[in-house]
């Protein structure tokens, strides 16, 4: 289903509510506002398969835009709100967005985006004046709160950086069905695995531009439930929200678990969590001790899955099965797993290699980059795709992750790609060479470290470290910036010029079987 259905069944029920302010949208309001915006987009000339982008903080209006795109047959690109104007502008331009929606809260960055996306036709913002943008509410008020004559189902085109180069859009074919029909399938997995239905009260503690929060929130609304949206994650606030809103379902990354566990006992005890029957986590492997402590605290309500935007594979593990197989990310319920060596040869059970998911069709394409698309696939099988992780399958068919084939850093469940940071830092006049690696961090899983070879005659000291860190903050989003800088007289490079980054990583990780904390 979709808001048009639930607006007739229970129009005054909240579709989404801000956990802190109490601001919300009923299903009637969500249906009306998404209809008005869909009418505006249609009048602008957007048709099935066209693109629009959303650059906004966690805001109850987020889903006005999501459902306007979904009921118009459009591709929607949710842009990371923490990017710089240049970084966000690149994505807006690359996805070929014809319309962008932002907000006054994002105004400082949003005002700089149009300069980097000259092909976009219309810029809209809500919540106050943003230079270069029209007022969204005023623009929408000119259109009726009625469905379009035809409502083809839309889809998401989210961006995932590779280990090199600019971010790339992940494109899947749009559904052939209309939005009402497609809605039934849109929450099928959530209903089957975790019991989503119209009584679901789903807590979303993460940024909405991420694929998982976006998918889970829309699934809750498709099911007729209520989304409790946190403006930003707060450990104690999460427990308060579960109690106050009688939350039934939630979705987390392991760092959130760590932060809740680190609350003083007096802060985390005394909350009524009895309504909470399903806590789902993914995005990064959860340290075993953290998950064990969470199970002891919350009981057998913690489920885990392993998947990715670029693959159609999906593993799942229940809390009971995880207790029997601690550390696993589950068995595949979508796709067939193949574990292969670097040449693509399948490996025996229990031996670690690159993890591929096989489906009966090619799951995705990178937008305007067939070469990159092919590089993510098995050398001989186009319908086997990989995320770049390394692991093994045990004799009972459970998948365990042991390493990463790429040098992507996962910090607090967020993917960070070293090449982009290296490309920025190498431009500093006092940097001769640089490597960026993920190093252990007990809370975040990994943190970003830059290893720098100073330019000739430059002293490697605390002042240089401070200068490099400040330079990084000027040129890239803060969450990607190194936490620290180490110095080397010369970085290890092969005769071909390729950086032997594994030698650097081993200094920080030691000789362990796993590089995942």
Protein backbone atom coordinates (compact mmCIF):
# COMPACT_ATOMS: atom_id res chain seq x y z
CA UNK A 1 0.00 0.00 0.00
CA UNK A 2 0.99 3.67 0.09
CA UNK A 3 -0.22 6.89 1.75
CA UNK A 4 -3.17 7.20 -0.64
CA UNK A 5 -4.60 3.99 0.79
CA UNK A 6 -3.93 4.69 4.45
CA UNK A 7 -5.25 8.25 4.14
CA UNK A 8 -8.68 6.67 3.53
CA UNK A 9 -8.34 3.96 6.22
CA UNK A 10 -7.04 6.07 9.12
CA UNK A 11 -6.52 9.65 7.88
CA UNK A 12 -5.70 11.14 11.30
CA UNK A 13 -3.13 8.51 12.27
CA UNK A 14 0.46 9.78 12.37
CA UNK A 15 2.57 8.60 9.45
CA UNK A 16 5.67 10.23 10.97
CA UNK A 17 6.45 12.14 14.15
CA UNK A 18 9.56 13.95 15.40
CA UNK A 19 10.63 12.18 18.59
CA UNK A 20 11.77 15.42 20.25
CA UNK A 21 9.43 18.18 19.08
CA UNK A 22 6.30 16.12 18.51
CA UNK A 23 5.81 17.67 15.05
CA UNK A 24 4.19 15.15 12.76
CA UNK A 25 2.34 14.32 9.58
CA UNK A 26 -0.92 12.41 9.55
CA UNK A 27 -1.56 10.08 6.65
CA UNK A 28 -4.05 12.61 5.29
CA UNK A 29 -1.42 15.36 5.42
CA UNK A 30 1.26 13.15 3.91
CA UNK A 31 -1.07 12.12 1.10
CA UNK A 32 -2.17 15.70 0.39
CA UNK A 33 1.32 17.20 0.45
CA UNK A 34 2.89 14.44 -1.65
CA UNK A 35 0.04 14.81 -4.16
CA UNK A 36 0.58 18.56 -4.43
CA UNK A 37 4.31 18.10 -4.97
CA UNK A 38 3.68 15.33 -7.50
CA UNK A 39 1.39 17.70 -9.41
CA UNK A 40 4.11 20.39 -9.31
CA UNK A 41 6.73 17.98 -10.62
CA UNK A 42 4.42 16.85 -13.42
CA UNK A 43 3.71 20.47 -14.39
CA UNK A 44 7.48 21.04 -14.43
CA UNK A 45 7.65 18.36 -17.13
CA UNK A 46 9.10 15.48 -15.13
CA UNK A 47 7.95 12.08 -16.35
CA UNK A 48 8.60 8.44 -15.50
CA UNK A 49 12.33 7.78 -15.31
CA UNK A 50 13.34 11.40 -14.70
CA UNK A 51 15.40 12.33 -11.65
CA UNK A 52 15.07 14.63 -8.67
CA UNK A 53 17.23 15.11 -5.55
CA UNK A 54 16.63 15.77 -1.86
CA UNK A 55 19.15 17.55 0.38
CA UNK A 56 17.61 17.87 3.82
CA UNK A 57 18.13 17.22 7.51
CA UNK A 58 15.92 14.72 9.36
CA UNK A 59 12.61 16.50 8.91
CA UNK A 60 9.01 15.26 8.87
CA UNK A 61 8.74 16.87 5.40
CA UNK A 62 11.31 14.39 4.07
CA UNK A 63 8.58 11.93 3.20
CA UNK A 64 6.45 14.53 1.44
CA UNK A 65 9.24 14.51 -1.13
CA UNK A 66 9.86 10.76 -1.02
CA UNK A 67 6.23 9.91 -1.73
CA UNK A 68 5.87 12.63 -4.37
CA UNK A 69 8.68 10.93 -6.29
CA UNK A 70 7.42 7.41 -5.58
CA UNK A 71 3.93 8.21 -6.92
CA UNK A 72 5.33 10.02 -10.00
CA UNK A 73 7.58 7.29 -11.42
CA UNK A 74 10.72 9.31 -10.66
CA UNK A 75 14.17 8.37 -9.46
CA UNK A 76 14.90 10.11 -6.17
CA UNK A 77 18.47 10.71 -5.02
CA UNK A 78 18.74 11.42 -1.29
CA UNK A 79 21.97 13.39 -0.87
CA UNK A 80 24.13 13.06 2.22
CA UNK A 81 23.37 16.16 4.31
CA UNK A 82 26.94 16.33 5.63
CA UNK A 83 28.58 16.89 2.25
CA UNK A 84 30.07 20.18 1.17
CA UNK A 85 28.32 22.23 -1.51
CA UNK A 86 30.84 21.01 -4.09
CA UNK A 87 30.39 17.36 -3.13
CA UNK A 88 26.60 17.60 -3.04
CA UNK A 89 26.56 19.59 -6.27
CA UNK A 90 28.50 16.88 -8.04
CA UNK A 91 25.87 14.29 -7.08
CA UNK A 92 22.96 16.56 -8.04
CA UNK A 93 24.53 17.19 -11.43
CA UNK A 94 25.63 13.59 -12.02
CA UNK A 95 22.20 12.13 -11.24
CA UNK A 96 20.72 14.60 -13.74
CA UNK A 97 18.22 15.94 -11.23
CA UNK A 98 15.72 18.33 -12.77
CA UNK A 99 14.37 19.45 -9.39
CA UNK A 100 16.08 19.73 -6.00
CA UNK A 101 14.34 20.12 -2.63
CA UNK A 102 16.21 21.41 0.41
CA UNK A 103 15.49 23.41 3.58
CA UNK A 104 16.39 26.54 5.53
CA UNK A 105 18.25 24.35 8.05
CA UNK A 106 20.60 23.29 5.24
CA UNK A 107 20.72 26.79 3.77
CA UNK A 108 24.38 27.56 4.35
CA UNK A 109 25.47 24.62 2.21
CA UNK A 110 22.39 24.47 -0.02
CA UNK A 111 23.00 27.98 -1.35
CA UNK A 112 26.30 26.85 -2.83
CA UNK A 113 25.01 23.75 -4.61
CA UNK A 114 23.46 25.35 -7.74
CA UNK A 115 26.87 26.62 -8.85
CA UNK A 116 27.97 23.00 -9.21
CA UNK A 117 24.79 21.68 -10.84
CA UNK A 118 23.93 24.04 -13.69
CA UNK A 119 21.63 21.54 -15.46
CA UNK A 120 19.04 21.46 -12.66
CA UNK A 121 15.87 23.30 -13.68
CA UNK A 122 14.26 24.17 -10.35
CA UNK A 123 15.37 24.66 -6.75
CA UNK A 124 12.84 24.49 -3.89
CA UNK A 125 13.27 24.88 -0.13
CA UNK A 126 11.05 24.87 2.94
CA UNK A 127 11.27 26.39 6.39
CA UNK A 128 12.45 29.84 5.39
CA UNK A 129 14.33 31.76 2.74
CA UNK A 130 17.27 30.12 0.98
CA UNK A 131 19.07 32.19 -1.63
CA UNK A 132 18.53 30.80 -5.12
CA UNK A 133 15.57 28.63 -4.05
CA UNK A 134 11.80 29.09 -4.31
CA UNK A 135 9.57 28.61 -1.28
CA UNK A 136 8.35 25.01 -1.49
CA UNK A 137 5.07 25.50 0.38
CA UNK A 138 4.11 28.49 -1.73
CA UNK A 139 4.94 26.63 -4.95
CA UNK A 140 2.96 23.57 -3.85
CA UNK A 141 -0.08 25.63 -2.84
CA UNK A 142 -0.76 26.36 -6.50
CA UNK A 143 -1.54 22.69 -7.17
CA UNK A 144 -4.43 20.45 -6.08
CA UNK A 145 -4.04 17.76 -3.42
CA UNK A 146 -5.21 15.16 -5.91
CA UNK A 147 -3.43 12.13 -7.35
CA UNK A 148 -1.99 12.34 -10.82
CA UNK A 149 -4.11 10.72 -13.52
CA UNK A 150 -1.46 8.00 -13.67
CA UNK A 151 0.79 7.11 -10.74
CA UNK A 152 3.71 4.95 -11.94
CA UNK A 153 5.95 3.67 -9.15
CA UNK A 154 9.23 5.48 -8.65
CA UNK A 155 12.47 4.32 -7.06
CA UNK A 156 15.66 5.43 -5.34
CA UNK A 157 18.99 6.09 -7.00
CA UNK A 158 21.41 6.40 -4.12
CA UNK A 159 25.13 7.04 -4.34
CA UNK A 160 27.93 4.81 -3.16
CA UNK A 161 31.55 5.77 -3.67
CA UNK A 162 34.03 3.24 -4.93
CA UNK A 163 37.51 3.06 -3.52
CA UNK A 164 38.66 5.43 -6.23
CA UNK A 165 37.16 8.38 -8.02
CA UNK A 166 33.88 10.21 -7.58
CA UNK A 167 30.71 8.69 -6.06
CA UNK A 168 28.49 6.76 -8.47
CA UNK A 169 24.72 6.39 -8.61
CA UNK A 170 23.32 2.90 -8.21
CA UNK A 171 20.55 2.42 -10.75
CA UNK A 172 17.94 -0.32 -10.80
CA UNK A 173 15.05 -0.63 -13.25
CA UNK A 174 11.87 1.08 -12.10
CA UNK A 175 8.95 -1.20 -11.23
CA UNK A 176 6.48 -1.88 -14.03
CA UNK A 177 3.55 -1.50 -11.63
CA UNK A 178 1.74 1.54 -10.38
CA UNK A 179 2.61 2.88 -6.95
CA UNK A 180 -0.44 1.33 -5.25
CA UNK A 181 0.34 -2.17 -6.54
CA UNK A 182 4.07 -1.85 -6.04
CA UNK A 183 3.58 -0.75 -2.46
CA UNK A 184 2.45 -4.24 -1.48
CA UNK A 185 5.83 -5.63 -2.56
CA UNK A 186 7.77 -2.71 -1.10
CA UNK A 187 7.40 -3.94 2.47
CA UNK A 188 7.15 -7.68 1.83
CA UNK A 189 10.54 -8.51 3.32
CA UNK A 190 9.92 -6.32 6.36
CA UNK A 191 6.57 -7.98 6.95
CA UNK A 192 7.86 -11.52 6.49
CA UNK A 193 11.05 -11.21 8.57
CA UNK A 194 10.16 -8.65 11.22
CA UNK A 195 6.38 -8.47 11.32
CA UNK A 196 5.80 -4.96 9.99
CA UNK A 197 2.08 -4.12 9.89
CA UNK A 198 -0.26 -1.20 10.53
CA UNK A 199 0.38 -1.49 14.28
CA UNK A 200 4.13 -1.00 13.81
CA UNK A 201 5.72 1.97 15.56
CA UNK A 202 9.16 2.24 14.00
CA UNK A 203 12.00 4.21 15.59
CA UNK A 204 14.45 5.72 13.10
CA UNK A 205 17.54 7.04 14.94
CA UNK A 206 19.79 7.47 11.87
CA UNK A 207 20.16 10.07 9.09
CA UNK A 208 17.35 9.57 6.59
CA UNK A 209 19.57 9.85 3.49
CA UNK A 210 21.08 6.42 4.24
CA UNK A 211 19.56 3.55 2.25
CA UNK A 212 18.51 1.47 5.29
CA UNK A 213 16.66 4.20 7.23
CA UNK A 214 15.04 5.38 4.01
CA UNK A 215 13.94 1.85 3.15
CA UNK A 216 12.73 0.96 6.63
CA UNK A 217 10.76 4.20 7.05
CA UNK A 218 8.99 3.81 3.71
CA UNK A 219 8.27 0.14 4.54
CA UNK A 220 6.69 1.19 7.83
CA UNK A 221 4.49 3.71 5.99
CA UNK A 222 3.61 1.21 3.27
CA UNK A 223 2.46 -1.07 6.09
CA UNK A 224 0.36 1.70 7.63
CA UNK A 225 2.52 2.11 10.73
CA UNK A 226 4.03 5.20 12.34
CA UNK A 227 7.64 6.36 11.96
CA UNK A 228 9.18 7.95 15.06
CA UNK A 229 12.03 10.01 13.60
CA UNK A 230 14.90 11.21 15.77
CA UNK A 231 16.44 14.51 14.56
CA UNK A 232 19.79 12.94 15.43
CA UNK A 233 20.91 9.93 17.39
CA UNK A 234 21.15 10.35 21.14
CA UNK A 235 21.79 7.31 23.37
CA UNK A 236 19.48 8.25 26.22
CA UNK A 237 17.02 9.91 23.86
CA UNK A 238 16.64 6.62 22.00
CA UNK A 239 15.57 4.83 25.16
CA UNK A 240 13.24 7.71 26.00
CA UNK A 241 11.67 7.50 22.54
CA UNK A 242 11.10 3.74 22.82
CA UNK A 243 9.33 4.28 26.13
CA UNK A 244 7.33 7.41 25.26
CA UNK A 245 6.14 6.31 21.81
CA UNK A 246 5.71 2.62 22.68
CA UNK A 247 8.08 1.71 19.85
CA UNK A 248 7.75 -1.83 18.47
CA UNK A 249 10.51 -1.88 15.83
CA UNK A 250 13.83 -0.10 15.33
CA UNK A 251 16.95 -0.18 13.15
CA UNK A 252 20.52 0.54 14.32
CA UNK A 253 24.21 0.47 13.52
CA UNK A 254 26.62 -1.10 16.03
CA UNK A 255 28.09 2.23 17.13
CA UNK A 256 24.69 3.18 18.51
CA UNK A 257 24.69 0.03 20.62
CA UNK A 258 28.15 0.90 21.92
CA UNK A 259 27.07 4.39 22.93
CA UNK A 260 23.97 3.16 24.70
CA UNK A 261 26.00 0.57 26.58
CA UNK A 262 28.41 3.29 27.72
CA UNK A 263 25.65 5.24 29.43
CA UNK A 264 25.96 5.30 33.17
CA UNK A 265 23.71 2.55 34.62
CA UNK A 266 21.64 5.24 36.31
CA UNK A 267 20.95 6.76 32.88
CA UNK A 268 19.92 3.61 31.04
CA UNK A 269 17.99 1.80 33.74
CA UNK A 270 14.37 2.47 34.56
CA UNK A 271 13.04 2.85 31.00
CA UNK A 272 10.02 0.78 30.02
CA UNK A 273 11.15 -1.03 26.86
CA UNK A 274 8.47 -3.72 27.00
CA UNK A 275 6.81 -2.63 23.73
CA UNK A 276 10.06 -3.13 21.81
CA UNK A 277 9.96 -6.50 20.09
CA UNK A 278 12.32 -6.15 17.10
CA UNK A 279 15.66 -4.28 16.94
CA UNK A 280 17.39 -4.72 13.58
CA UNK A 281 21.02 -3.87 12.90
CA UNK A 282 23.33 -3.84 9.89
CA UNK A 283 25.70 -1.47 8.01
CA UNK A 284 28.80 -2.79 9.79
CA UNK A 285 29.65 -6.00 11.65
CA UNK A 286 28.82 -5.73 15.32
CA UNK A 287 31.62 -6.57 17.75
CA UNK A 288 30.67 -9.82 19.47
CA UNK A 289 30.97 -8.47 23.04
CA UNK A 290 28.74 -5.51 22.15
CA UNK A 291 26.03 -7.72 20.69
CA UNK A 292 26.23 -10.13 23.60
CA UNK A 293 25.76 -7.27 26.06
CA UNK A 294 22.82 -5.92 24.05
CA UNK A 295 21.16 -9.35 24.05
CA UNK A 296 21.63 -9.56 27.80
CA UNK A 297 20.06 -6.10 28.20
CA UNK A 298 17.25 -6.14 25.63
CA UNK A 299 16.68 -9.88 25.34
CA UNK A 300 16.10 -11.88 22.16
CA UNK A 301 14.78 -9.00 20.06
CA UNK A 302 17.99 -8.22 18.12
CA UNK A 303 18.08 -9.30 14.48
CA UNK A 304 20.91 -8.77 12.00
CA UNK A 305 21.23 -8.72 8.23
CA UNK A 306 24.01 -8.29 5.68
CA UNK A 307 23.24 -6.66 2.35
CA UNK A 308 24.20 -3.66 0.26
CA UNK A 309 22.75 -1.17 -2.17
CA UNK A 310 24.79 -2.68 -5.01
CA UNK A 311 23.75 -6.31 -4.57
CA UNK A 312 20.47 -8.19 -4.53
CA UNK A 313 21.80 -10.62 -1.96
CA UNK A 314 20.66 -10.63 1.63
CA UNK A 315 21.57 -12.70 4.68
CA UNK A 316 19.65 -12.74 7.93
CA UNK A 317 20.15 -14.06 11.45
CA UNK A 318 17.72 -14.28 14.36
CA UNK A 319 18.90 -13.61 17.92
CA UNK A 320 18.45 -17.25 18.83
CA UNK A 321 20.54 -18.49 15.91
CA UNK A 322 23.22 -15.87 16.55
CA UNK A 323 23.65 -17.19 20.09
CA UNK A 324 24.45 -20.57 18.53
CA UNK A 325 26.72 -19.05 15.87
CA UNK A 326 28.21 -15.91 17.47
CA UNK A 327 29.78 -13.59 14.92
CA UNK A 328 27.83 -14.76 11.89
CA UNK A 329 25.80 -12.39 9.72
CA UNK A 330 23.41 -15.20 8.87
CA UNK A 331 22.31 -17.39 6.00
CA UNK A 332 21.27 -16.07 2.58
CA UNK A 333 17.55 -15.59 2.10
CA UNK A 334 18.01 -13.76 -1.21
CA UNK A 335 20.64 -14.90 -3.67
CA UNK A 336 23.23 -17.66 -3.61
CA UNK A 337 26.60 -16.98 -1.97
CA UNK A 338 29.84 -17.81 -3.77
CA UNK A 339 33.21 -17.33 -2.08
CA UNK A 340 36.01 -16.89 -4.61
CA UNK A 341 39.69 -16.09 -4.78
CA UNK A 342 40.98 -12.98 -6.58
CA UNK A 343 40.89 -14.77 -9.94
CA UNK A 344 37.25 -15.76 -9.46
CA UNK A 345 37.77 -19.43 -8.63
CA UNK A 346 35.34 -20.77 -6.05
CA UNK A 347 36.87 -21.78 -2.72
CA UNK A 348 36.01 -24.69 -0.44
CA UNK A 349 33.69 -24.39 2.57
CA UNK A 350 35.39 -22.60 5.44
CA UNK A 351 38.02 -20.86 3.31
CA UNK A 352 37.88 -17.06 3.19
CA UNK A 353 37.60 -15.16 -0.08
CA UNK A 354 35.64 -12.45 -1.88
CA UNK A 355 31.90 -12.78 -1.29
CA UNK A 356 29.61 -12.76 -4.34
CA UNK A 357 25.83 -12.95 -4.44
CA UNK A 358 24.28 -14.69 -7.45
CA UNK A 359 20.83 -13.71 -8.67
CA UNK A 360 18.95 -14.64 -11.82
CA UNK A 361 19.43 -11.15 -13.24
CA UNK A 362 21.97 -8.32 -13.18
CA UNK A 363 20.98 -6.44 -10.00
CA UNK A 364 22.13 -2.90 -10.78
CA UNK A 365 24.18 -0.56 -12.90
CA UNK A 366 26.40 2.31 -11.89
CA UNK A 367 24.94 5.42 -13.48
CA UNK A 368 26.85 6.28 -16.66
CA UNK A 369 29.74 3.96 -15.77
CA UNK A 370 29.64 0.51 -17.36
CA UNK A 371 33.32 -0.07 -16.61
CA UNK A 372 32.74 0.40 -12.90
CA UNK A 373 29.63 -1.77 -13.10
CA UNK A 374 31.58 -4.62 -14.64
CA UNK A 375 34.37 -4.29 -12.08
CA UNK A 376 31.89 -5.09 -9.30
CA UNK A 377 30.86 -8.33 -10.98
CA UNK A 378 32.47 -11.76 -11.11
CA UNK A 379 34.95 -12.10 -14.01
CA UNK A 380 32.86 -14.82 -15.66
CA UNK A 381 29.36 -14.25 -14.29
CA UNK A 382 27.68 -10.91 -14.84
CA UNK A 383 24.87 -11.78 -12.42
CA UNK A 384 27.29 -12.37 -9.51
CA UNK A 385 27.95 -9.11 -7.69
CA UNK A 386 30.23 -8.26 -4.78
CA UNK A 387 30.45 -5.52 -2.16
CA UNK A 388 34.19 -6.04 -1.78
CA UNK A 389 33.99 -7.92 1.51
CA UNK A 390 35.94 -11.05 2.37
CA UNK A 391 34.54 -13.92 4.41
CA UNK A 392 33.71 -17.59 4.51
CA UNK A 393 30.69 -19.86 4.75
CA UNK A 394 30.79 -22.57 7.39
CA UNK A 395 29.61 -26.17 7.04
CA UNK A 396 26.07 -25.15 8.06
CA UNK A 397 25.80 -22.38 5.45
CA UNK A 398 26.33 -19.38 7.77
CA UNK A 399 28.34 -16.44 6.46
CA UNK A 400 31.14 -14.89 8.51
CA UNK A 401 32.96 -11.68 7.49
CA UNK A 402 36.71 -11.56 8.09
CA UNK A 403 38.13 -8.66 6.09
CA UNK A 404 37.52 -6.20 3.29
CA UNK A 405 38.89 -6.62 -0.19
CA UNK A 406 38.83 -2.86 -0.63
CA UNK A 407 40.23 -0.33 1.79
CA UNK A 408 36.86 1.22 2.47
CA UNK A 409 36.57 2.42 6.06
CA UNK A 410 33.35 1.77 7.99
CA UNK A 411 33.15 4.18 10.90
CA UNK A 412 29.98 4.08 12.96
CA UNK A 413 28.17 2.31 10.12
CA UNK A 414 29.10 5.00 7.58
CA UNK A 415 31.19 4.14 4.52
CA UNK A 416 34.24 6.34 4.04
CA UNK A 417 36.45 6.00 0.98
CA UNK A 418 40.17 6.73 1.41
CA UNK A 419 40.93 7.79 -2.15
CA UNK A 420 38.72 10.85 -1.91
CA UNK A 421 40.53 11.99 1.24
CA UNK A 422 43.94 11.20 -0.23
CA UNK A 423 43.08 13.20 -3.33
CA UNK A 424 42.34 16.23 -1.15
CA UNK A 425 45.35 15.97 1.16
CA UNK A 426 47.90 15.43 -1.58
CA UNK A 427 47.16 18.98 -2.73
CA UNK A 428 48.56 20.40 0.51
CA UNK A 429 51.94 21.99 -0.35
CA UNK A 430 53.70 20.32 2.59
CA UNK A 431 52.50 16.79 1.71
CA UNK A 432 54.68 14.72 -0.61
CA UNK A 433 52.69 11.50 -0.36
CA UNK A 434 49.70 10.34 1.68
CA UNK A 435 47.78 7.18 2.50
CA UNK A 436 44.50 7.07 4.38
CA UNK A 437 43.59 3.94 6.30
CA UNK A 438 41.04 2.79 8.83
CA UNK A 439 42.47 2.02 12.25
CA UNK A 440 40.78 0.39 15.27
CA UNK A 441 38.33 2.42 17.32
CA UNK A 442 36.42 0.63 20.05
CA UNK A 443 33.30 2.76 19.75
CA UNK A 444 33.16 3.50 16.00
CA UNK A 445 34.65 0.23 14.74
CA UNK A 446 37.19 2.15 12.69
CA UNK A 447 38.44 5.71 12.53
CA UNK A 448 40.23 7.56 9.75
CA UNK A 449 43.98 8.04 9.98
CA UNK A 450 46.21 9.81 7.48
CA UNK A 451 49.78 8.60 7.05
CA UNK A 452 51.79 11.42 5.49
CA UNK A 453 55.20 11.64 3.89
CA UNK A 454 56.14 15.31 4.38
CA UNK A 455 57.59 17.31 1.54
CA UNK A 456 61.37 17.66 1.50
CA UNK A 457 62.62 20.01 4.18
CA UNK A 458 59.33 20.04 6.11
CA UNK A 459 59.45 19.06 9.75
CA UNK A 460 56.98 16.39 10.87
CA UNK A 461 55.62 17.77 14.13
CA UNK A 462 52.39 18.60 15.95
CA UNK A 463 52.04 21.90 14.11
CA UNK A 464 52.10 20.11 10.75
CA UNK A 465 49.53 17.61 11.98
CA UNK A 466 47.22 20.43 13.08
CA UNK A 467 47.69 22.21 9.76
CA UNK A 468 46.85 19.07 7.75
CA UNK A 469 43.74 18.32 9.84
CA UNK A 470 42.53 21.91 9.42
CA UNK A 471 43.15 21.70 5.68
CA UNK A 472 41.12 18.48 5.50
CA UNK A 473 38.17 20.12 7.24
CA UNK A 474 38.23 22.92 4.69
CA UNK A 475 38.03 20.61 1.68
CA UNK A 476 35.98 17.56 2.62
CA UNK A 477 32.96 16.78 4.81
CA UNK A 478 33.95 16.65 8.47
CA UNK A 479 32.83 13.06 9.05
CA UNK A 480 35.41 11.92 6.46
CA UNK A 481 38.29 13.88 7.98
CA UNK A 482 41.19 12.05 9.62
CA UNK A 483 41.14 11.96 13.40
CA UNK A 484 44.95 11.95 13.47
CA UNK A 485 48.05 12.07 11.29
CA UNK A 486 51.14 9.89 11.49
CA UNK A 487 54.32 10.65 9.57
CA UNK A 488 56.63 8.38 7.56
CA UNK A 489 59.90 9.26 5.86
CA UNK A 490 58.68 7.30 2.82
CA UNK A 491 55.45 5.46 2.12
CA UNK A 492 55.72 1.85 0.89
CA UNK A 493 55.15 1.78 -2.84
CA UNK A 494 55.72 -1.02 -5.31
CA UNK A 495 58.04 -0.47 -8.31
CA UNK A 496 54.92 0.12 -10.39
CA UNK A 497 54.05 3.08 -8.16
CA UNK A 498 51.13 1.29 -6.49
CA UNK A 499 50.84 2.00 -2.77
CA UNK A 500 51.29 -1.13 -0.67
CA UNK A 501 48.63 -0.04 1.81
CA UNK A 502 48.35 -3.40 3.50
CA UNK A 503 51.78 -2.89 5.08
CA UNK A 504 50.50 0.32 6.66
CA UNK A 505 47.26 -1.23 7.88
CA UNK A 506 49.06 -4.18 9.45
CA UNK A 507 50.97 -1.80 11.73
CA UNK A 508 47.72 -0.66 13.31
CA UNK A 509 45.69 -3.86 13.21
CA UNK A 510 48.41 -6.37 14.04
CA UNK A 511 48.28 -9.96 12.79
CA UNK A 512 44.70 -10.88 13.51
CA UNK A 513 42.36 -13.20 11.67
CA UNK A 514 39.84 -10.38 11.36
CA UNK A 515 40.21 -6.69 10.65
CA UNK A 516 36.73 -5.95 11.94
CA UNK A 517 36.69 -4.82 15.58
